[in-house]
Amino acid sequence: MGKYMRIALPLADGKLCMHFGHCDLFALVDVDSAQNKILTRQDIKAPAHQPGLLPPWLAERGATMIIAGGMGQRAQDLFTQQGIKVVVGAPSETPEKLVADYLSGMLHVGENVCDH
């Protein structure tokens, strides 16, 4: 992986949304992974929910990784096909905390809370 990443995180009330496809906003966090540093954060409105829409939609916006609480296997496969790495089972925290924890190797993921 290069030194630049754009990490997408689904949001609800400013924190990670536990059910990926039902969020209102996505935080797009640009990271310099060589320096383990957050560069910028942009919040964008999620499109209306449609199966299979989010992987290409986020890929078009430059996402290279997604951190989620829960995500079904089919959605994970669709993201992988778009070249987007998927991390599931993340806790409901702020995007900055989750990205910082990921960069430092301290992101503790639990069970995938989505089973469809």
N, C-alpha and C. Protein backbone atom coordinates (compact mmCIF):
# COMPACT_ATOMS: atom_id res chain seq x y z
N MET A 1 0.84 -1.19 0.00
CA MET A 1 0.00 0.00 0.00
C MET A 1 0.88 1.23 0.00
N GLY A 2 0.48 2.24 -0.71
CA GLY A 2 1.23 3.48 -0.76
C GLY A 2 1.14 4.22 0.55
N LYS A 3 1.67 5.45 0.56
CA LYS A 3 1.63 6.17 1.83
C LYS A 3 0.37 7.00 2.01
N TYR A 4 -0.48 7.06 0.97
CA TYR A 4 -1.72 7.82 1.08
C TYR A 4 -2.90 6.86 1.10
N MET A 5 -3.80 7.06 2.04
CA MET A 5 -5.03 6.26 2.11
C MET A 5 -6.19 7.21 2.34
N ARG A 6 -7.37 6.82 1.84
CA ARG A 6 -8.61 7.51 2.19
C ARG A 6 -9.49 6.46 2.84
N ILE A 7 -9.77 6.67 4.11
CA ILE A 7 -10.56 5.72 4.89
C ILE A 7 -11.97 6.26 5.03
N ALA A 8 -12.96 5.44 4.65
CA ALA A 8 -14.37 5.83 4.76
C ALA A 8 -14.95 5.18 6.02
N LEU A 9 -15.75 5.95 6.75
CA LEU A 9 -16.40 5.46 7.96
C LEU A 9 -17.85 5.91 7.94
N PRO A 10 -18.80 4.97 8.08
CA PRO A 10 -20.21 5.35 8.14
C PRO A 10 -20.52 5.98 9.50
N LEU A 11 -21.27 7.08 9.50
CA LEU A 11 -21.53 7.82 10.74
C LEU A 11 -22.99 7.86 11.13
N ALA A 12 -23.21 7.87 12.44
CA ALA A 12 -24.51 8.16 13.05
C ALA A 12 -24.23 8.94 14.32
N ASP A 13 -24.76 10.14 14.42
CA ASP A 13 -24.54 11.00 15.59
C ASP A 13 -23.06 11.24 15.87
N GLY A 14 -22.26 11.40 14.82
CA GLY A 14 -20.85 11.74 14.99
C GLY A 14 -19.92 10.58 15.29
N LYS A 15 -20.51 9.39 15.45
CA LYS A 15 -19.69 8.21 15.75
C LYS A 15 -19.97 7.14 14.71
N LEU A 16 -19.16 6.09 14.76
CA LEU A 16 -19.32 5.00 13.80
C LEU A 16 -20.70 4.39 13.89
N CYS A 17 -21.37 4.27 12.75
CA CYS A 17 -22.69 3.65 12.67
C CYS A 17 -22.51 2.14 12.67
N MET A 18 -23.22 1.46 13.53
CA MET A 18 -23.04 0.02 13.66
C MET A 18 -23.61 -0.76 12.48
N HIS A 19 -24.61 -0.19 11.80
CA HIS A 19 -25.20 -0.88 10.65
C HIS A 19 -24.86 -0.09 9.40
N PHE A 20 -23.87 -0.58 8.71
CA PHE A 20 -23.21 0.10 7.62
C PHE A 20 -24.14 0.72 6.59
N GLY A 21 -25.08 -0.02 6.06
CA GLY A 21 -25.92 0.46 4.97
C GLY A 21 -26.99 1.44 5.38
N HIS A 22 -27.09 1.74 6.68
CA HIS A 22 -28.18 2.59 7.16
C HIS A 22 -27.68 3.90 7.75
N CYS A 23 -26.51 4.36 7.32
CA CYS A 23 -25.97 5.60 7.86
C CYS A 23 -26.42 6.79 7.02
N ASP A 24 -26.37 7.98 7.63
CA ASP A 24 -26.74 9.21 6.93
C ASP A 24 -25.53 9.89 6.30
N LEU A 25 -24.37 9.72 6.93
CA LEU A 25 -23.15 10.40 6.50
C LEU A 25 -21.99 9.42 6.44
N PHE A 26 -21.00 9.76 5.63
CA PHE A 26 -19.72 9.07 5.65
C PHE A 26 -18.64 10.09 5.95
N ALA A 27 -17.72 9.74 6.84
CA ALA A 27 -16.51 10.54 7.02
C ALA A 27 -15.47 9.95 6.08
N LEU A 28 -14.86 10.80 5.28
CA LEU A 28 -13.73 10.40 4.45
C LEU A 28 -12.49 11.03 5.08
N VAL A 29 -11.62 10.16 5.60
CA VAL A 29 -10.44 10.62 6.33
C VAL A 29 -9.20 10.31 5.48
N ASP A 30 -8.49 11.36 5.10
CA ASP A 30 -7.26 11.20 4.33
C ASP A 30 -6.10 11.05 5.30
N VAL A 31 -5.25 10.04 5.00
CA VAL A 31 -4.20 9.65 5.92
C VAL A 31 -2.87 9.54 5.18
N ASP A 32 -1.82 10.02 5.82
CA ASP A 32 -0.46 9.75 5.37
C ASP A 32 0.00 8.57 6.22
N SER A 33 -0.03 7.37 5.64
CA SER A 33 0.27 6.18 6.43
C SER A 33 1.76 6.03 6.69
N ALA A 34 2.60 6.70 5.93
CA ALA A 34 4.04 6.66 6.20
C ALA A 34 4.36 7.39 7.51
N GLN A 35 3.59 8.45 7.77
CA GLN A 35 3.79 9.23 9.00
C GLN A 35 2.74 8.93 10.06
N ASN A 36 1.81 7.98 9.76
CA ASN A 36 0.71 7.67 10.68
C ASN A 36 -0.01 8.94 11.13
N LYS A 37 -0.41 9.73 10.14
CA LYS A 37 -0.98 11.04 10.44
C LYS A 37 -2.26 11.26 9.65
N ILE A 38 -3.28 11.78 10.34
CA ILE A 38 -4.52 12.18 9.68
C ILE A 38 -4.29 13.54 9.03
N LEU A 39 -4.62 13.63 7.73
CA LEU A 39 -4.42 14.88 7.00
C LEU A 39 -5.69 15.72 6.99
N THR A 40 -6.80 15.13 6.54
CA THR A 40 -8.07 15.87 6.47
C THR A 40 -9.23 14.93 6.73
N ARG A 41 -10.37 15.53 7.05
CA ARG A 41 -11.62 14.79 7.17
C ARG A 41 -12.70 15.58 6.46
N GLN A 42 -13.49 14.85 5.67
CA GLN A 42 -14.62 15.45 4.96
C GLN A 42 -15.83 14.56 5.23
N ASP A 43 -16.93 15.15 5.65
CA ASP A 43 -18.17 14.40 5.83
C ASP A 43 -19.06 14.62 4.61
N ILE A 44 -19.55 13.51 4.04
CA ILE A 44 -20.42 13.62 2.88
C ILE A 44 -21.71 12.85 3.13
N LYS A 45 -22.79 13.37 2.59
CA LYS A 45 -24.11 12.73 2.75
C LYS A 45 -24.13 11.42 1.98
N ALA A 46 -24.62 10.39 2.65
CA ALA A 46 -24.74 9.08 2.00
C ALA A 46 -25.88 9.11 0.99
N PRO A 47 -25.76 8.36 -0.10
CA PRO A 47 -26.87 8.28 -1.05
C PRO A 47 -28.00 7.44 -0.46
N ALA A 48 -29.16 7.52 -1.07
CA ALA A 48 -30.29 6.69 -0.63
C ALA A 48 -29.87 5.22 -0.71
N HIS A 49 -30.31 4.43 0.26
CA HIS A 49 -29.89 3.03 0.34
C HIS A 49 -30.38 2.23 -0.86
N GLN A 50 -29.43 1.62 -1.53
CA GLN A 50 -29.72 0.69 -2.63
C GLN A 50 -28.68 -0.42 -2.54
N PRO A 51 -29.09 -1.68 -2.59
CA PRO A 51 -28.12 -2.77 -2.53
C PRO A 51 -27.07 -2.64 -3.63
N GLY A 52 -25.81 -2.77 -3.24
CA GLY A 52 -24.72 -2.75 -4.20
C GLY A 52 -24.24 -1.37 -4.63
N LEU A 53 -24.89 -0.30 -4.16
CA LEU A 53 -24.53 1.06 -4.60
C LEU A 53 -23.28 1.60 -3.91
N LEU A 54 -23.13 1.36 -2.62
CA LEU A 54 -22.06 2.02 -1.86
C LEU A 54 -20.64 1.65 -2.30
N PRO A 55 -20.33 0.39 -2.63
CA PRO A 55 -18.93 0.12 -3.03
C PRO A 55 -18.45 0.96 -4.21
N PRO A 56 -19.18 1.02 -5.34
CA PRO A 56 -18.68 1.87 -6.42
C PRO A 56 -18.77 3.35 -6.08
N TRP A 57 -19.77 3.75 -5.31
CA TRP A 57 -19.94 5.15 -4.92
C TRP A 57 -18.74 5.62 -4.10
N LEU A 58 -18.32 4.80 -3.13
CA LEU A 58 -17.17 5.18 -2.31
C LEU A 58 -15.86 5.07 -3.10
N ALA A 59 -15.77 4.09 -3.99
CA ALA A 59 -14.57 3.96 -4.83
C ALA A 59 -14.40 5.20 -5.70
N GLU A 60 -15.51 5.72 -6.24
CA GLU A 60 -15.46 6.94 -7.06
C GLU A 60 -14.96 8.14 -6.25
N ARG A 61 -15.15 8.10 -4.95
CA ARG A 61 -14.73 9.19 -4.08
C ARG A 61 -13.34 8.95 -3.50
N GLY A 62 -12.66 7.92 -4.01
CA GLY A 62 -11.26 7.70 -3.65
C GLY A 62 -11.01 6.84 -2.43
N ALA A 63 -12.06 6.23 -1.86
CA ALA A 63 -11.85 5.40 -0.67
C ALA A 63 -10.97 4.19 -1.01
N THR A 64 -10.00 3.92 -0.15
CA THR A 64 -9.14 2.75 -0.29
C THR A 64 -9.38 1.74 0.83
N MET A 65 -10.13 2.18 1.85
CA MET A 65 -10.41 1.32 3.00
C MET A 65 -11.70 1.78 3.64
N ILE A 66 -12.38 0.85 4.29
CA ILE A 66 -13.56 1.20 5.07
C ILE A 66 -13.46 0.55 6.43
N ILE A 67 -13.78 1.31 7.46
CA ILE A 67 -13.87 0.78 8.82
C ILE A 67 -15.34 0.79 9.17
N ALA A 68 -15.87 -0.37 9.55
CA ALA A 68 -17.31 -0.50 9.82
C ALA A 68 -17.54 -1.28 11.10
N GLY A 69 -18.73 -1.07 11.67
CA GLY A 69 -19.13 -1.87 12.82
C GLY A 69 -19.61 -3.22 12.32
N GLY A 70 -20.60 -3.18 11.44
CA GLY A 70 -21.13 -4.41 10.87
C GLY A 70 -21.37 -4.27 9.39
N MET A 71 -21.14 -5.36 8.67
CA MET A 71 -21.35 -5.36 7.23
C MET A 71 -21.54 -6.80 6.77
N GLY A 72 -22.56 -7.02 5.95
CA GLY A 72 -22.82 -8.35 5.43
C GLY A 72 -21.70 -8.84 4.51
N GLN A 73 -21.60 -10.14 4.36
CA GLN A 73 -20.53 -10.73 3.55
C GLN A 73 -20.60 -10.29 2.10
N ARG A 74 -21.80 -10.20 1.55
CA ARG A 74 -21.92 -9.78 0.15
C ARG A 74 -21.38 -8.37 -0.04
N ALA A 75 -21.70 -7.46 0.87
CA ALA A 75 -21.19 -6.09 0.78
C ALA A 75 -19.66 -6.09 0.90
N GLN A 76 -19.13 -6.90 1.81
CA GLN A 76 -17.67 -6.98 1.94
C GLN A 76 -17.03 -7.44 0.63
N ASP A 77 -17.64 -8.43 0.00
CA ASP A 77 -17.13 -8.93 -1.28
C ASP A 77 -17.16 -7.85 -2.35
N LEU A 78 -18.25 -7.06 -2.38
CA LEU A 78 -18.37 -5.99 -3.37
C LEU A 78 -17.31 -4.90 -3.16
N PHE A 79 -17.01 -4.59 -1.89
CA PHE A 79 -15.95 -3.62 -1.62
C PHE A 79 -14.60 -4.16 -2.06
N THR A 80 -14.34 -5.43 -1.78
CA THR A 80 -13.07 -6.05 -2.18
C THR A 80 -12.91 -6.00 -3.70
N GLN A 81 -14.01 -6.24 -4.42
CA GLN A 81 -13.96 -6.17 -5.88
C GLN A 81 -13.62 -4.76 -6.37
N GLN A 82 -13.94 -3.74 -5.57
CA GLN A 82 -13.63 -2.35 -5.93
C GLN A 82 -12.22 -1.96 -5.48
N GLY A 83 -11.49 -2.90 -4.87
CA GLY A 83 -10.15 -2.61 -4.39
C GLY A 83 -10.13 -1.89 -3.06
N ILE A 84 -11.22 -1.99 -2.30
CA ILE A 84 -11.33 -1.31 -1.01
C ILE A 84 -11.19 -2.35 0.10
N LYS A 85 -10.20 -2.15 0.97
CA LYS A 85 -10.00 -3.03 2.12
C LYS A 85 -11.11 -2.80 3.14
N VAL A 86 -11.61 -3.87 3.76
CA VAL A 86 -12.71 -3.77 4.73
C VAL A 86 -12.25 -4.24 6.10
N VAL A 87 -12.51 -3.43 7.12
CA VAL A 87 -12.30 -3.81 8.51
C VAL A 87 -13.66 -3.73 9.19
N VAL A 88 -14.14 -4.86 9.74
CA VAL A 88 -15.44 -4.86 10.42
C VAL A 88 -15.26 -5.18 11.90
N GLY A 89 -16.30 -4.86 12.67
CA GLY A 89 -16.28 -5.15 14.10
C GLY A 89 -15.71 -4.01 14.93
N ALA A 90 -15.56 -2.82 14.33
CA ALA A 90 -15.02 -1.67 15.05
C ALA A 90 -16.06 -1.14 16.04
N PRO A 91 -15.61 -0.55 17.15
CA PRO A 91 -16.54 0.01 18.13
C PRO A 91 -17.11 1.35 17.69
N SER A 92 -18.16 1.78 18.34
CA SER A 92 -18.80 3.07 18.03
C SER A 92 -17.98 4.19 18.68
N GLU A 93 -17.04 4.72 17.92
CA GLU A 93 -16.18 5.82 18.36
C GLU A 93 -16.16 6.88 17.27
N THR A 94 -15.45 7.98 17.52
CA THR A 94 -15.32 9.03 16.51
C THR A 94 -14.40 8.54 15.39
N PRO A 95 -14.57 9.08 14.18
CA PRO A 95 -13.69 8.68 13.08
C PRO A 95 -12.21 8.91 13.40
N GLU A 96 -11.89 10.04 14.03
CA GLU A 96 -10.49 10.34 14.34
C GLU A 96 -9.89 9.30 15.29
N LYS A 97 -10.65 8.88 16.29
CA LYS A 97 -10.14 7.88 17.23
C LYS A 97 -9.95 6.55 16.53
N LEU A 98 -10.92 6.14 15.72
CA LEU A 98 -10.81 4.85 15.03
C LEU A 98 -9.63 4.84 14.06
N VAL A 99 -9.45 5.91 13.30
CA VAL A 99 -8.35 5.96 12.35
C VAL A 99 -7.01 6.01 13.08
N ALA A 100 -6.92 6.81 14.13
CA ALA A 100 -5.68 6.88 14.91
C ALA A 100 -5.35 5.51 15.51
N ASP A 101 -6.36 4.83 16.05
CA ASP A 101 -6.15 3.49 16.62
C ASP A 101 -5.70 2.51 15.53
N TYR A 102 -6.30 2.59 14.34
CA TYR A 102 -5.90 1.72 13.24
C TYR A 102 -4.44 1.97 12.86
N LEU A 103 -4.09 3.23 12.72
CA LEU A 103 -2.72 3.58 12.31
C LEU A 103 -1.69 3.14 13.32
N SER A 104 -2.06 3.15 14.60
CA SER A 104 -1.11 2.76 15.64
C SER A 104 -1.15 1.26 15.93
N GLY A 105 -2.02 0.53 15.21
CA GLY A 105 -2.12 -0.91 15.45
C GLY A 105 -2.92 -1.25 16.69
N MET A 106 -3.67 -0.28 17.21
CA MET A 106 -4.41 -0.47 18.46
C MET A 106 -5.92 -0.58 18.26
N LEU A 107 -6.38 -0.69 17.02
CA LEU A 107 -7.81 -0.81 16.77
C LEU A 107 -8.26 -2.23 17.12
N HIS A 108 -9.08 -2.32 18.17
CA HIS A 108 -9.59 -3.62 18.61
C HIS A 108 -10.95 -3.84 17.97
N VAL A 109 -11.02 -4.86 17.13
CA VAL A 109 -12.29 -5.17 16.49
C VAL A 109 -12.91 -6.38 17.16
N GLY A 110 -14.24 -6.33 17.24
CA GLY A 110 -14.99 -7.43 17.83
C GLY A 110 -15.72 -8.18 16.73
N GLU A 111 -16.89 -8.66 17.09
CA GLU A 111 -17.69 -9.40 16.12
C GLU A 111 -18.33 -8.47 15.12
N ASN A 112 -18.52 -8.99 13.92
CA ASN A 112 -19.28 -8.29 12.89
C ASN A 112 -20.73 -8.28 13.37
N VAL A 113 -21.29 -7.09 13.61
CA VAL A 113 -22.65 -7.01 14.16
C VAL A 113 -23.73 -7.15 13.10
N CYS A 114 -23.34 -7.38 11.87
CA CYS A 114 -24.31 -7.55 10.77
C CYS A 114 -24.22 -8.97 10.25
N ASP A 115 -25.38 -9.62 10.08
CA ASP A 115 -25.34 -11.03 9.66
C ASP A 115 -26.05 -11.28 8.35
N HIS A 116 -26.24 -10.23 7.54
CA HIS A 116 -26.88 -10.45 6.23
C HIS A 116 -26.07 -9.86 5.11
